[in-house]
Amino acid sequence: MGLKVHIQGIWPSPEKNELLGTTTAAIYEGQDKLMRRVFGADVELRTRFNDRSSYYTSCSSMEAYNVVGMLEGLREAEREGCDVAFISCGNDPGLQAARDLLRIPVVSATESAMLVACMLGGRFGVVTFDDASTVLIERNLRSYGLEERALRVKPARSAGFYEATDRWFTDPGYLRDQVIPRFEKAALGLIEDGAEVIVAACGNYAAFPLAGYTRISGTEVPIVDAFLAGA
């Protein structure tokens, strides 16, 4: 019997998503594909969605609201015999609470990417999805004890994304011409300030390794995708 991996989402299922609807299915299908590249065919992936979602993930108050439904899903995963749980949001919501609650290991996306980044360079910088997420990432840096390995000034910077991301997973030209340049604008600022590794801190950035994008253009600076690192 293969490994049973529980992936805990922060939004409702595509069928119940009242904000973006079934278009979000393309995101989850892409993330599932990336996971299977790592684990192989024998893995059993179980994605559980969050019917209690606030549809917003980038501030502490809404994060706390989301975590209620996430913990319910994580607890159910343990009851169903999953071997490990994975929190798929780049802001790592509910990580410590989940580790308090469960006996099985709980892995989160961006904590994993930061730890991998520590093995690849002296200092790393983090590119978030939106502006508000930078505050949560810097909070997490302090919580994880990794401040000394990140850039000292503004270690987390935003790529300024606020739109739906299903097209990232279905339109390679759009990803290449519209998304990656915006990501690299933030990343190059981090590199100029001394970052030797870039952490891509959002579950939506799973589109990058799927498309073979793993280094900042024109440099040898690696990109550590949070979803892939968690896997």
Protein backbone atom coordinates (compact mmCIF):
# COMPACT_ATOMS: atom_id res chain seq x y z
CA MET A 1 0.00 0.00 0.00
CA GLY A 2 1.35 3.42 -0.96
CA LEU A 3 1.75 6.53 1.11
CA LYS A 4 -1.47 8.37 1.98
CA VAL A 5 -0.93 12.13 1.77
CA HIS A 6 -3.59 14.57 2.91
CA ILE A 7 -3.50 17.98 1.20
CA GLN A 8 -5.40 20.59 3.20
CA GLY A 9 -6.82 23.45 1.17
CA ILE A 10 -7.93 26.86 2.38
CA TRP A 11 -10.79 27.44 -0.07
CA PRO A 12 -14.00 25.50 -0.76
CA SER A 13 -14.07 22.90 -3.51
CA PRO A 14 -14.49 24.16 -7.09
CA GLU A 15 -18.11 23.06 -7.01
CA LYS A 16 -18.80 25.10 -3.87
CA ASN A 17 -16.54 28.07 -4.60
CA GLU A 18 -18.92 31.04 -4.76
CA LEU A 19 -16.14 33.49 -5.66
CA LEU A 20 -14.31 31.84 -8.58
CA GLY A 21 -16.39 28.76 -9.26
CA THR A 22 -15.14 25.66 -11.04
CA THR A 23 -12.21 27.50 -12.68
CA THR A 24 -10.16 26.69 -9.57
CA ALA A 25 -10.17 23.01 -10.59
CA ALA A 26 -7.27 23.73 -12.97
CA ILE A 27 -5.13 24.88 -10.01
CA TYR A 28 -5.78 21.76 -7.96
CA GLU A 29 -5.22 19.50 -10.94
CA GLY A 30 -1.85 21.15 -11.54
CA GLN A 31 -0.83 20.85 -7.90
CA ASP A 32 -1.88 17.20 -7.89
CA LYS A 33 0.22 16.59 -11.01
CA LEU A 34 3.26 18.17 -9.36
CA MET A 35 2.82 16.05 -6.23
CA ARG A 36 2.64 12.88 -8.30
CA ARG A 37 5.88 13.77 -10.03
CA VAL A 38 7.54 13.65 -6.64
CA PHE A 39 5.81 10.66 -5.08
CA GLY A 40 5.18 8.43 -8.07
CA ALA A 41 2.11 6.46 -9.06
CA ASP A 42 1.64 4.58 -5.78
CA VAL A 43 0.84 7.63 -3.66
CA GLU A 44 -2.75 8.19 -2.55
CA LEU A 45 -3.46 11.93 -2.54
CA ARG A 46 -6.48 13.18 -0.63
CA THR A 47 -7.33 16.84 -1.04
CA ARG A 48 -9.78 18.24 1.48
CA PHE A 49 -11.31 21.63 0.94
CA ASN A 50 -12.53 24.17 3.47
CA ASP A 51 -16.24 24.92 3.51
CA ARG A 52 -15.63 27.52 6.24
CA SER A 53 -13.28 29.58 4.09
CA SER A 54 -13.35 33.36 4.25
CA TYR A 55 -12.00 33.49 0.67
CA TYR A 56 -9.20 35.69 1.99
CA THR A 57 -5.88 34.47 3.31
CA SER A 58 -3.62 37.49 3.76
CA CYS A 59 -4.42 38.88 7.20
CA SER A 60 -4.37 37.34 10.66
CA SER A 61 -8.09 37.75 11.40
CA MET A 62 -9.24 35.98 8.24
CA GLU A 63 -6.50 33.39 8.69
CA ALA A 64 -7.91 32.56 12.12
CA TYR A 65 -11.37 32.12 10.61
CA ASN A 66 -10.04 29.83 7.88
CA VAL A 67 -8.09 27.71 10.35
CA VAL A 68 -11.27 26.45 12.04
CA GLY A 69 -12.36 24.58 8.92
CA MET A 70 -8.81 23.52 8.11
CA LEU A 71 -8.34 21.89 11.50
CA GLU A 72 -11.57 19.96 11.02
CA GLY A 73 -10.25 18.63 7.72
CA LEU A 74 -6.85 17.78 9.15
CA ARG A 75 -8.36 15.93 12.11
CA GLU A 76 -10.56 13.91 9.77
CA ALA A 77 -7.50 13.02 7.67
CA GLU A 78 -5.84 11.49 10.70
CA ARG A 79 -8.97 9.48 11.51
CA GLU A 80 -9.01 8.19 7.93
CA GLY A 81 -5.48 6.82 8.26
CA CYS A 82 -3.43 9.35 6.30
CA ASP A 83 0.32 9.12 6.91
CA VAL A 84 1.14 12.82 6.61
CA ALA A 85 -0.74 16.11 6.21
CA PHE A 86 0.31 18.99 3.99
CA ILE A 87 -0.94 22.59 4.38
CA SER A 88 -0.87 23.94 0.85
CA CYS A 89 -1.13 27.72 1.40
CA GLY A 90 2.08 29.76 1.17
CA ASN A 91 1.22 31.67 4.33
CA ASP A 92 1.33 28.38 6.31
CA PRO A 93 -1.98 29.00 8.15
CA GLY A 94 -2.72 26.89 11.21
CA LEU A 95 0.61 25.05 11.16
CA GLN A 96 1.39 25.14 14.87
CA ALA A 97 -2.25 24.46 15.80
CA ALA A 98 -2.30 21.45 13.49
CA ARG A 99 0.90 20.08 15.02
CA ASP A 100 -0.65 20.47 18.45
CA LEU A 101 -3.79 18.63 17.33
CA LEU A 102 -2.46 15.72 15.28
CA ARG A 103 -0.17 12.76 15.91
CA ILE A 104 0.78 12.38 12.25
CA PRO A 105 3.43 14.73 10.79
CA VAL A 106 2.18 18.07 9.45
CA VAL A 107 4.21 19.74 6.70
CA SER A 108 3.62 23.24 5.38
CA ALA A 109 4.57 24.79 2.07
CA THR A 110 6.71 27.82 2.82
CA GLU A 111 8.41 26.50 5.95
CA SER A 112 9.60 23.60 3.79
CA ALA A 113 10.82 25.94 1.05
CA MET A 114 12.71 28.11 3.54
CA LEU A 115 14.48 25.07 4.98
CA VAL A 116 15.45 23.88 1.50
CA ALA A 117 16.68 27.40 0.69
CA CYS A 118 19.00 27.24 3.72
CA MET A 119 20.77 24.30 2.06
CA LEU A 120 21.21 26.10 -1.25
CA GLY A 121 22.61 29.48 -0.29
CA GLY A 122 23.74 31.83 2.44
CA ARG A 123 20.65 34.07 2.47
CA PHE A 124 17.27 33.75 0.85
CA GLY A 125 14.47 36.11 -0.08
CA VAL A 126 10.76 35.35 -0.39
CA VAL A 127 8.37 36.41 -3.15
CA THR A 128 4.76 36.37 -1.97
CA PHE A 129 1.54 36.52 -3.96
CA ASP A 130 0.21 39.87 -2.74
CA ASP A 131 1.30 42.80 -0.57
CA ALA A 132 -0.56 41.79 2.59
CA SER A 133 1.09 38.36 2.66
CA THR A 134 4.53 39.87 3.27
CA VAL A 135 3.52 40.63 6.87
CA LEU A 136 2.52 37.01 7.50
CA ILE A 137 5.68 35.66 5.88
CA GLU A 138 7.86 37.86 8.10
CA ARG A 139 5.87 36.69 11.13
CA ASN A 140 6.54 33.10 10.11
CA LEU A 141 10.25 33.78 9.64
CA ARG A 142 10.45 34.84 13.28
CA SER A 143 8.39 31.86 14.40
CA TYR A 144 10.60 29.40 12.53
CA GLY A 145 13.83 30.96 13.85
CA LEU A 146 15.05 31.64 10.32
CA GLU A 147 15.48 35.42 10.43
CA GLU A 148 19.26 35.10 10.34
CA ARG A 149 19.14 33.09 7.11
CA ALA A 150 16.84 35.49 5.27
CA LEU A 151 17.65 38.98 4.05
CA ARG A 152 17.75 41.36 6.99
CA VAL A 153 15.75 44.12 5.31
CA LYS A 154 12.40 43.37 3.65
CA PRO A 155 13.03 39.63 3.27
CA ALA A 156 9.52 39.09 1.85
CA ARG A 157 8.34 41.08 -1.14
CA SER A 158 5.19 40.97 -3.21
CA ALA A 159 4.83 40.19 -6.88
CA GLY A 160 1.55 42.11 -6.77
CA PHE A 161 -0.79 39.36 -7.93
CA TYR A 162 -4.47 39.74 -7.10
CA GLU A 163 -6.17 37.99 -10.02
CA ALA A 164 -7.42 34.43 -10.42
CA THR A 165 -4.63 32.03 -11.31
CA ASP A 166 -6.25 29.12 -13.14
CA ARG A 167 -4.82 30.44 -16.40
CA TRP A 168 -1.30 30.00 -15.02
CA PHE A 169 -1.84 26.24 -15.24
CA THR A 170 -3.55 26.13 -18.64
CA ASP A 171 -1.85 28.81 -20.78
CA PRO A 172 1.96 28.46 -21.00
CA GLY A 173 2.30 31.65 -23.05
CA TYR A 174 0.44 33.70 -20.47
CA LEU A 175 2.58 32.26 -17.69
CA ARG A 176 5.79 33.03 -19.60
CA ASP A 177 4.89 36.50 -20.86
CA GLN A 178 2.69 37.95 -18.12
CA VAL A 179 3.26 36.12 -14.84
CA ILE A 180 6.97 35.30 -14.71
CA PRO A 181 8.14 38.87 -15.53
CA ARG A 182 6.13 40.23 -12.59
CA PHE A 183 7.55 37.56 -10.31
CA GLU A 184 11.08 38.28 -11.50
CA LYS A 185 10.74 42.01 -10.87
CA ALA A 186 10.31 41.27 -7.16
CA ALA A 187 12.93 38.51 -7.21
CA LEU A 188 15.60 40.66 -8.85
CA GLY A 189 15.19 43.28 -6.14
CA LEU A 190 15.86 40.58 -3.55
CA ILE A 191 18.90 39.37 -5.49
CA GLU A 192 20.29 42.90 -5.71
CA ASP A 193 20.05 43.06 -1.92
CA GLY A 194 21.98 39.82 -1.46
CA ALA A 195 19.57 36.91 -1.82
CA GLU A 196 21.22 33.78 -3.18
CA VAL A 197 18.00 31.76 -3.29
CA ILE A 198 14.40 32.82 -4.02
CA VAL A 199 11.50 31.17 -2.21
CA ALA A 200 8.23 31.22 -4.17
CA ALA A 201 5.72 31.40 -1.33
CA CYS A 202 2.28 30.59 -2.70
CA GLY A 203 0.51 27.40 -3.72
CA ASN A 204 -0.28 29.02 -7.07
CA TYR A 205 3.42 29.16 -7.87
CA ALA A 206 3.26 25.38 -8.38
CA ALA A 207 2.71 26.38 -12.00
CA PHE A 208 6.41 27.35 -12.19
CA PRO A 209 8.09 23.96 -11.75
CA LEU A 210 5.35 22.35 -13.85
CA ALA A 211 6.46 24.64 -16.68
CA GLY A 212 10.16 23.97 -16.05
CA TYR A 213 10.85 27.43 -14.61
CA THR A 214 13.34 26.89 -11.78
CA ARG A 215 15.89 29.76 -11.99
CA ILE A 216 15.61 33.51 -12.25
CA SER A 217 16.27 34.47 -15.89
CA GLY A 218 19.81 35.60 -16.63
CA THR A 219 21.13 34.35 -13.30
CA GLU A 220 22.08 31.12 -11.56
CA VAL A 221 19.77 31.92 -8.62
CA PRO A 222 17.47 28.95 -7.93
CA ILE A 223 13.76 29.25 -7.22
CA VAL A 224 12.45 27.01 -4.46
CA ASP A 225 8.74 26.51 -5.03
CA ALA A 226 6.86 26.09 -1.77
CA PHE A 227 4.46 23.43 -3.03
CA LEU A 228 7.24 21.34 -4.54
CA ALA A 229 9.42 21.76 -1.43
CA GLY A 230 6.57 20.59 0.77
CA ALA A 231 6.20 17.48 -1.36
